[in-house]
Amino acid sequence: MKRYDKIAQLLTGSPSARADEGAAWVAALVRQLHIPALAHWGVTAADLPELIDKSTRASSMKGNPLPLTPTELHAVLIRAL
């Protein structure tokens, strides 16, 4: 969990932030910006294996401060549906 705490600290600007605080920060930002769920764009659970495969090979993923495993990407995408 330490890596998620580090992400929370980067997002919130608080050196003592924990993972749940980072998740709350992101959820509030999504609400504030009115970002629709992936299902709004027609993405279904059946699309996830292809999205994960393409994501792991995308150049943008190489810039992440903490790389995500395919299992972690799946969990993120499930929640984003």
PDB file of N, CA and C in Angstrom:
ATOM      1  N   MET A   1       0.812  -1.204   0.000  1.00  0.00           N
ATOM      2  CA  MET A   1       0.000   0.000   0.000  1.00  0.00           C
ATOM      3  C   MET A   1       0.855   1.267   0.000  1.00  0.00           C
ATOM      4  N   LYS A   2       2.119   1.161   0.319  1.00  0.00           N
ATOM      5  CA  LYS A   2       2.956   2.362   0.386  1.00  0.00           C
ATOM      6  C   LYS A   2       2.980   3.111  -0.932  1.00  0.00           C
ATOM      7  N   ARG A   3       2.971   2.390  -2.051  1.00  0.00           N
ATOM      8  CA  ARG A   3       3.024   3.071  -3.336  1.00  0.00           C
ATOM      9  C   ARG A   3       1.759   3.879  -3.574  1.00  0.00           C
ATOM     10  N   TYR A   4       0.621   3.400  -3.089  1.00  0.00           N
ATOM     11  CA  TYR A   4      -0.618   4.153  -3.244  1.00  0.00           C
ATOM     12  C   TYR A   4      -0.655   5.356  -2.300  1.00  0.00           C
ATOM     13  N   ASP A   5      -0.048   5.217  -1.157  1.00  0.00           N
ATOM     14  CA  ASP A   5       0.086   6.366  -0.257  1.00  0.00           C
ATOM     15  C   ASP A   5       0.918   7.452  -0.926  1.00  0.00           C
ATOM     16  N   LYS A   6       1.984   7.043  -1.601  1.00  0.00           N
ATOM     17  CA  LYS A   6       2.847   8.009  -2.296  1.00  0.00           C
ATOM     18  C   LYS A   6       2.055   8.741  -3.381  1.00  0.00           C
ATOM     19  N   ILE A   7       1.232   8.027  -4.121  1.00  0.00           N
ATOM     20  CA  ILE A   7       0.391   8.668  -5.143  1.00  0.00           C
ATOM     21  C   ILE A   7      -0.555   9.665  -4.481  1.00  0.00           C
ATOM     22  N   ALA A   8      -1.159   9.273  -3.376  1.00  0.00           N
ATOM     23  CA  ALA A   8      -2.066  10.164  -2.651  1.00  0.00           C
ATOM     24  C   ALA A   8      -1.342  11.430  -2.214  1.00  0.00           C
ATOM     25  N   GLN A   9      -0.113  11.280  -1.760  1.00  0.00           N
ATOM     26  CA  GLN A   9       0.669  12.439  -1.332  1.00  0.00           C
ATOM     27  C   GLN A   9       0.955  13.368  -2.502  1.00  0.00           C
ATOM     28  N   LEU A  10       1.257  12.794  -3.663  1.00  0.00           N
ATOM     29  CA  LEU A  10       1.501  13.603  -4.858  1.00  0.00           C
ATOM     30  C   LEU A  10       0.232  14.331  -5.300  1.00  0.00           C
ATOM     31  N   LEU A  11      -0.889  13.638  -5.276  1.00  0.00           N
ATOM     32  CA  LEU A  11      -2.154  14.231  -5.725  1.00  0.00           C
ATOM     33  C   LEU A  11      -2.654  15.327  -4.796  1.00  0.00           C
ATOM     34  N   THR A  12      -2.614  15.052  -3.514  1.00  0.00           N
ATOM     35  CA  THR A  12      -3.212  15.977  -2.546  1.00  0.00           C
ATOM     36  C   THR A  12      -2.261  17.066  -2.084  1.00  0.00           C
ATOM     37  N   GLY A  13      -0.969  16.840  -2.258  1.00  0.00           N
ATOM     38  CA  GLY A  13       0.012  17.795  -1.767  1.00  0.00           C
ATOM     39  C   GLY A  13       0.267  17.674  -0.276  1.00  0.00           C
ATOM     40  N   SER A  14      -0.310  16.659   0.334  1.00  0.00           N
ATOM     41  CA  SER A  14      -0.130  16.436   1.763  1.00  0.00           C
ATOM     42  C   SER A  14       0.875  15.310   1.983  1.00  0.00           C
ATOM     43  N   PRO A  15       1.979  15.580   2.700  1.00  0.00           N
ATOM     44  CA  PRO A  15       2.994  14.540   2.921  1.00  0.00           C
ATOM     45  C   PRO A  15       2.502  13.379   3.786  1.00  0.00           C
ATOM     46  N   SER A  16       1.365  13.536   4.449  1.00  0.00           N
ATOM     47  CA  SER A  16       0.853  12.459   5.299  1.00  0.00           C
ATOM     48  C   SER A  16      -0.377  11.770   4.705  1.00  0.00           C
ATOM     49  N   ALA A  17      -0.729  12.096   3.466  1.00  0.00           N
ATOM     50  CA  ALA A  17      -1.927  11.526   2.846  1.00  0.00           C
ATOM     51  C   ALA A  17      -1.788  10.020   2.676  1.00  0.00           C
ATOM     52  N   ARG A  18      -2.900   9.336   2.824  1.00  0.00           N
ATOM     53  CA  ARG A  18      -2.973   7.883   2.656  1.00  0.00           C
ATOM     54  C   ARG A  18      -3.731   7.577   1.361  1.00  0.00           C
ATOM     55  N   ALA A  19      -3.687   6.329   0.951  1.00  0.00           N
ATOM     56  CA  ALA A  19      -4.300   5.907  -0.307  1.00  0.00           C
ATOM     57  C   ALA A  19      -5.779   6.281  -0.385  1.00  0.00           C
ATOM     58  N   ASP A  20      -6.522   6.084   0.702  1.00  0.00           N
ATOM     59  CA  ASP A  20      -7.952   6.402   0.667  1.00  0.00           C
ATOM     60  C   ASP A  20      -8.203   7.893   0.466  1.00  0.00           C
ATOM     61  N   GLU A  21      -7.316   8.732   0.950  1.00  0.00           N
ATOM     62  CA  GLU A  21      -7.451  10.172   0.734  1.00  0.00           C
ATOM     63  C   GLU A  21      -7.169  10.532  -0.722  1.00  0.00           C
ATOM     64  N   GLY A  22      -6.232   9.838  -1.336  1.00  0.00           N
ATOM     65  CA  GLY A  22      -5.958  10.048  -2.748  1.00  0.00           C
ATOM     66  C   GLY A  22      -7.141   9.633  -3.602  1.00  0.00           C
ATOM     67  N   ALA A  23      -7.746   8.497  -3.254  1.00  0.00           N
ATOM     68  CA  ALA A  23      -8.920   8.027  -3.984  1.00  0.00           C
ATOM     69  C   ALA A  23     -10.076   9.016  -3.836  1.00  0.00           C
ATOM     70  N   ALA A  24     -10.262   9.552  -2.650  1.00  0.00           N
ATOM     71  CA  ALA A  24     -11.324  10.543  -2.422  1.00  0.00           C
ATOM     72  C   ALA A  24     -11.046  11.811  -3.225  1.00  0.00           C
ATOM     73  N   TRP A  25      -9.794  12.211  -3.316  1.00  0.00           N
ATOM     74  CA  TRP A  25      -9.413  13.400  -4.089  1.00  0.00           C
ATOM     75  C   TRP A  25      -9.759  13.202  -5.563  1.00  0.00           C
ATOM     76  N   VAL A  26      -9.416  12.030  -6.100  1.00  0.00           N
ATOM     77  CA  VAL A  26      -9.719  11.742  -7.503  1.00  0.00           C
ATOM     78  C   VAL A  26     -11.233  11.689  -7.719  1.00  0.00           C
ATOM     79  N   ALA A  27     -11.970  11.046  -6.834  1.00  0.00           N
ATOM     80  CA  ALA A  27     -13.432  10.958  -6.962  1.00  0.00           C
ATOM     81  C   ALA A  27     -14.063  12.346  -6.951  1.00  0.00           C
ATOM     82  N   ALA A  28     -13.580  13.214  -6.096  1.00  0.00           N
ATOM     83  CA  ALA A  28     -14.109  14.584  -6.044  1.00  0.00           C
ATOM     84  C   ALA A  28     -13.795  15.329  -7.338  1.00  0.00           C
ATOM     85  N   LEU A  29     -12.612  15.131  -7.883  1.00  0.00           N
ATOM     86  CA  LEU A  29     -12.246  15.777  -9.141  1.00  0.00           C
ATOM     87  C   LEU A  29     -13.133  15.285 -10.285  1.00  0.00           C
ATOM     88  N   VAL A  30     -13.387  14.002 -10.333  1.00  0.00           N
ATOM     89  CA  VAL A  30     -14.261  13.429 -11.362  1.00  0.00           C
ATOM     90  C   VAL A  30     -15.653  14.055 -11.274  1.00  0.00           C
ATOM     91  N   ARG A  31     -16.175  14.174 -10.065  1.00  0.00           N
ATOM     92  CA  ARG A  31     -17.496  14.801  -9.882  1.00  0.00           C
ATOM     93  C   ARG A  31     -17.464  16.273 -10.297  1.00  0.00           C
ATOM     94  N   GLN A  32     -16.441  16.971  -9.875  1.00  0.00           N
ATOM     95  CA  GLN A  32     -16.325  18.402 -10.175  1.00  0.00           C
ATOM     96  C   GLN A  32     -16.236  18.650 -11.680  1.00  0.00           C
ATOM     97  N   LEU A  33     -15.533  17.793 -12.380  1.00  0.00           N
ATOM     98  CA  LEU A  33     -15.352  17.965 -13.820  1.00  0.00           C
ATOM     99  C   LEU A  33     -16.447  17.283 -14.640  1.00  0.00           C
ATOM    100  N   HIS A  34     -17.372  16.597 -13.953  1.00  0.00           N
ATOM    101  CA  HIS A  34     -18.484  15.904 -14.614  1.00  0.00           C
ATOM    102  C   HIS A  34     -17.981  14.897 -15.653  1.00  0.00           C
ATOM    103  N   ILE A  35     -16.987  14.120 -15.270  1.00  0.00           N
ATOM    104  CA  ILE A  35     -16.424  13.108 -16.159  1.00  0.00           C
ATOM    105  C   ILE A  35     -17.324  11.872 -16.111  1.00  0.00           C
ATOM    106  N   PRO A  36     -17.876  11.476 -17.266  1.00  0.00           N
ATOM    107  CA  PRO A  36     -18.769  10.307 -17.258  1.00  0.00           C
ATOM    108  C   PRO A  36     -17.988   9.000 -17.120  1.00  0.00           C
ATOM    109  N   ALA A  37     -18.677   7.977 -16.659  1.00  0.00           N
ATOM    110  CA  ALA A  37     -18.087   6.643 -16.557  1.00  0.00           C
ATOM    111  C   ALA A  37     -17.790   6.107 -17.956  1.00  0.00           C
ATOM    112  N   LEU A  38     -16.913   5.127 -18.035  1.00  0.00           N
ATOM    113  CA  LEU A  38     -16.552   4.551 -19.330  1.00  0.00           C
ATOM    114  C   LEU A  38     -17.763   3.961 -20.055  1.00  0.00           C
ATOM    115  N   ALA A  39     -18.724   3.442 -19.305  1.00  0.00           N
ATOM    116  CA  ALA A  39     -19.926   2.865 -19.922  1.00  0.00           C
ATOM    117  C   ALA A  39     -20.671   3.909 -20.753  1.00  0.00           C
ATOM    118  N   HIS A  40     -20.570   5.156 -20.372  1.00  0.00           N
ATOM    119  CA  HIS A  40     -21.204   6.242 -21.130  1.00  0.00           C
ATOM    120  C   HIS A  40     -20.703   6.248 -22.571  1.00  0.00           C
ATOM    121  N   TRP A  41     -19.471   5.838 -22.765  1.00  0.00           N
ATOM    122  CA  TRP A  41     -18.841   5.824 -24.085  1.00  0.00           C
ATOM    123  C   TRP A  41     -18.943   4.454 -24.755  1.00  0.00           C
ATOM    124  N   GLY A  42     -19.728   3.555 -24.162  1.00  0.00           N
ATOM    125  CA  GLY A  42     -19.947   2.244 -24.762  1.00  0.00           C
ATOM    126  C   GLY A  42     -18.950   1.172 -24.373  1.00  0.00           C
ATOM    127  N   VAL A  43     -18.079   1.452 -23.429  1.00  0.00           N
ATOM    128  CA  VAL A  43     -17.097   0.467 -22.979  1.00  0.00           C
ATOM    129  C   VAL A  43     -17.800  -0.537 -22.065  1.00  0.00           C
ATOM    130  N   THR A  44     -17.523  -1.819 -22.308  1.00  0.00           N
ATOM    131  CA  THR A  44     -18.095  -2.882 -21.475  1.00  0.00           C
ATOM    132  C   THR A  44     -16.969  -3.722 -20.882  1.00  0.00           C
ATOM    133  N   ALA A  45     -17.319  -4.599 -19.964  1.00  0.00           N
ATOM    134  CA  ALA A  45     -16.325  -5.487 -19.350  1.00  0.00           C
ATOM    135  C   ALA A  45     -15.638  -6.351 -20.402  1.00  0.00           C
ATOM    136  N   ALA A  46     -16.338  -6.669 -21.476  1.00  0.00           N
ATOM    137  CA  ALA A  46     -15.753  -7.480 -22.550  1.00  0.00           C
ATOM    138  C   ALA A  46     -14.609  -6.749 -23.256  1.00  0.00           C
ATOM    139  N   ASP A  47     -14.588  -5.426 -23.174  1.00  0.00           N
ATOM    140  CA  ASP A  47     -13.536  -4.628 -23.811  1.00  0.00           C
ATOM    141  C   ASP A  47     -12.267  -4.543 -22.973  1.00  0.00           C
ATOM    142  N   LEU A  48     -12.335  -4.902 -21.715  1.00  0.00           N
ATOM    143  CA  LEU A  48     -11.218  -4.668 -20.805  1.00  0.00           C
ATOM    144  C   LEU A  48      -9.930  -5.406 -21.162  1.00  0.00           C
ATOM    145  N   PRO A  49      -9.974  -6.678 -21.552  1.00  0.00           N
ATOM    146  CA  PRO A  49      -8.692  -7.332 -21.890  1.00  0.00           C
ATOM    147  C   PRO A  49      -7.927  -6.592 -22.990  1.00  0.00           C
ATOM    148  N   GLU A  50      -8.624  -6.135 -24.015  1.00  0.00           N
ATOM    149  CA  GLU A  50      -7.952  -5.402 -25.090  1.00  0.00           C
ATOM    150  C   GLU A  50      -7.430  -4.048 -24.596  1.00  0.00           C
ATOM    151  N   LEU A  51      -8.227  -3.365 -23.779  1.00  0.00           N
ATOM    152  CA  LEU A  51      -7.783  -2.079 -23.226  1.00  0.00           C
ATOM    153  C   LEU A  51      -6.550  -2.246 -22.355  1.00  0.00           C
ATOM    154  N   ILE A  52      -6.546  -3.284 -21.552  1.00  0.00           N
ATOM    155  CA  ILE A  52      -5.398  -3.536 -20.672  1.00  0.00           C
ATOM    156  C   ILE A  52      -4.163  -3.857 -21.505  1.00  0.00           C
ATOM    157  N   ASP A  53      -4.329  -4.696 -22.508  1.00  0.00           N
ATOM    158  CA  ASP A  53      -3.198  -5.050 -23.370  1.00  0.00           C
ATOM    159  C   ASP A  53      -2.620  -3.809 -24.042  1.00  0.00           C
ATOM    160  N   LYS A  54      -3.485  -2.987 -24.603  1.00  0.00           N
ATOM    161  CA  LYS A  54      -3.008  -1.779 -25.276  1.00  0.00           C
ATOM    162  C   LYS A  54      -2.414  -0.783 -24.275  1.00  0.00           C
ATOM    163  N   SER A  55      -3.002  -0.711 -23.102  1.00  0.00           N
ATOM    164  CA  SER A  55      -2.501   0.214 -22.077  1.00  0.00           C
ATOM    165  C   SER A  55      -1.097  -0.153 -21.628  1.00  0.00           C
ATOM    166  N   THR A  56      -0.843  -1.437 -21.445  1.00  0.00           N
ATOM    167  CA  THR A  56       0.471  -1.846 -20.954  1.00  0.00           C
ATOM    168  C   THR A  56       1.562  -1.565 -21.982  1.00  0.00           C
ATOM    169  N   ARG A  57       1.185  -1.441 -23.254  1.00  0.00           N
ATOM    170  CA  ARG A  57       2.165  -1.166 -24.302  1.00  0.00           C
ATOM    171  C   ARG A  57       2.218   0.311 -24.696  1.00  0.00           C
ATOM    172  N   ALA A  58       1.330   1.130 -24.161  1.00  0.00           N
ATOM    173  CA  ALA A  58       1.261   2.544 -24.543  1.00  0.00           C
ATOM    174  C   ALA A  58       2.440   3.335 -23.979  1.00  0.00           C
ATOM    175  N   SER A  59       2.944   4.254 -24.777  1.00  0.00           N
ATOM    176  CA  SER A  59       4.077   5.063 -24.329  1.00  0.00           C
ATOM    177  C   SER A  59       3.704   5.931 -23.126  1.00  0.00           C
ATOM    178  N   SER A  60       2.447   6.319 -23.024  1.00  0.00           N
ATOM    179  CA  SER A  60       2.033   7.163 -21.898  1.00  0.00           C
ATOM    180  C   SER A  60       2.164   6.435 -20.558  1.00  0.00           C
ATOM    181  N   MET A  61       2.047   5.127 -20.565  1.00  0.00           N
ATOM    182  CA  MET A  61       2.178   4.358 -19.317  1.00  0.00           C
ATOM    183  C   MET A  61       3.616   4.351 -18.816  1.00  0.00           C
ATOM    184  N   LYS A  62       4.553   4.537 -19.709  1.00  0.00           N
ATOM    185  CA  LYS A  62       5.959   4.522 -19.302  1.00  0.00           C
ATOM    186  C   LYS A  62       6.312   5.728 -18.423  1.00  0.00           C
ATOM    187  N   GLY A  63       5.493   6.765 -18.477  1.00  0.00           N
ATOM    188  CA  GLY A  63       5.743   7.955 -17.680  1.00  0.00           C
ATOM    189  C   GLY A  63       5.115   7.922 -16.303  1.00  0.00           C
ATOM    190  N   ASN A  64       4.351   6.866 -15.998  1.00  0.00           N
ATOM    191  CA  ASN A  64       3.724   6.774 -14.681  1.00  0.00           C
ATOM    192  C   ASN A  64       4.788   6.645 -13.593  1.00  0.00           C
ATOM    193  N   PRO A  65       4.651   7.397 -12.514  1.00  0.00           N
ATOM    194  CA  PRO A  65       5.639   7.276 -11.439  1.00  0.00           C
ATOM    195  C   PRO A  65       5.622   5.894 -10.790  1.00  0.00           C
ATOM    196  N   LEU A  66       4.470   5.235 -10.816  1.00  0.00           N
ATOM    197  CA  LEU A  66       4.351   3.882 -10.274  1.00  0.00           C
ATOM    198  C   LEU A  66       3.640   3.016 -11.315  1.00  0.00           C
ATOM    199  N   PRO A  67       4.356   2.106 -11.939  1.00  0.00           N
ATOM    200  CA  PRO A  67       3.731   1.266 -12.968  1.00  0.00           C
ATOM    201  C   PRO A  67       2.622   0.404 -12.384  1.00  0.00           C
ATOM    202  N   LEU A  68       1.581   0.185 -13.174  1.00  0.00           N
ATOM    203  CA  LEU A  68       0.462  -0.655 -12.754  1.00  0.00           C
ATOM    204  C   LEU A  68       0.553  -2.012 -13.431  1.00  0.00           C
ATOM    205  N   THR A  69       0.248  -3.044 -12.695  1.00  0.00           N
ATOM    206  CA  THR A  69       0.208  -4.391 -13.261  1.00  0.00           C
ATOM    207  C   THR A  69      -1.103  -4.554 -14.027  1.00  0.00           C
ATOM    208  N   PRO A  70      -1.203  -5.547 -14.899  1.00  0.00           N
ATOM    209  CA  PRO A  70      -2.476  -5.803 -15.575  1.00  0.00           C
ATOM    210  C   PRO A  70      -3.633  -6.025 -14.591  1.00  0.00           C
ATOM    211  N   THR A  71      -3.358  -6.679 -13.485  1.00  0.00           N
ATOM    212  CA  THR A  71      -4.401  -6.908 -12.472  1.00  0.00           C
ATOM    213  C   THR A  71      -4.867  -5.580 -11.876  1.00  0.00           C
ATOM    214  N   GLU A  72      -3.926  -4.685 -11.593  1.00  0.00           N
ATOM    215  CA  GLU A  72      -4.287  -3.373 -11.056  1.00  0.00           C
ATOM    216  C   GLU A  72      -5.053  -2.547 -12.095  1.00  0.00           C
ATOM    217  N   LEU A  73      -4.622  -2.613 -13.355  1.00  0.00           N
ATOM    218  CA  LEU A  73      -5.339  -1.903 -14.419  1.00  0.00           C
ATOM    219  C   LEU A  73      -6.772  -2.415 -14.530  1.00  0.00           C
ATOM    220  N   HIS A  74      -6.943  -3.723 -14.432  1.00  0.00           N
ATOM    221  CA  HIS A  74      -8.288  -4.309 -14.505  1.00  0.00           C
ATOM    222  C   HIS A  74      -9.165  -3.763 -13.384  1.00  0.00           C
ATOM    223  N   ALA A  75      -8.630  -3.709 -12.182  1.00  0.00           N
ATOM    224  CA  ALA A  75      -9.404  -3.200 -11.036  1.00  0.00           C
ATOM    225  C   ALA A  75      -9.796  -1.752 -11.250  1.00  0.00           C
ATOM    226  N   VAL A  76      -8.891  -0.955 -11.784  1.00  0.00           N
ATOM    227  CA  VAL A  76      -9.178   0.460 -12.065  1.00  0.00           C
ATOM    228  C   VAL A  76     -10.278   0.580 -13.105  1.00  0.00           C
ATOM    229  N   LEU A  77     -10.154  -0.187 -14.167  1.00  0.00           N
ATOM    230  CA  LEU A  77     -11.132  -0.106 -15.248  1.00  0.00           C
ATOM    231  C   LEU A  77     -12.515  -0.592 -14.828  1.00  0.00           C
ATOM    232  N   ILE A  78     -12.575  -1.645 -14.031  1.00  0.00           N
ATOM    233  CA  ILE A  78     -13.863  -2.139 -13.523  1.00  0.00           C
ATOM    234  C   ILE A  78     -14.576  -1.045 -12.757  1.00  0.00           C
ATOM    235  N   ARG A  79     -13.833  -0.332 -11.929  1.00  0.00           N
ATOM    236  CA  ARG A  79     -14.435   0.753 -11.139  1.00  0.00           C
ATOM    237  C   ARG A  79     -14.841   1.927 -12.013  1.00  0.00           C
ATOM    238  N   ALA A  80     -14.164   2.080 -13.158  1.00  0.00           N
ATOM    239  CA  ALA A  80     -14.453   3.206 -14.053  1.00  0.00           C
ATOM    240  C   ALA A  80     -15.615   2.929 -15.002  1.00  0.00           C
ATOM    241  N   LEU A  81     -16.083   1.686 -15.029  1.00  0.00           N
ATOM    242  CA  LEU A  81     -17.221   1.377 -15.899  1.00  0.00           C
ATOM    243  C   LEU A  81     -18.468   2.048 -15.363  1.00  0.00           C
TER     244      LEU A  81
END
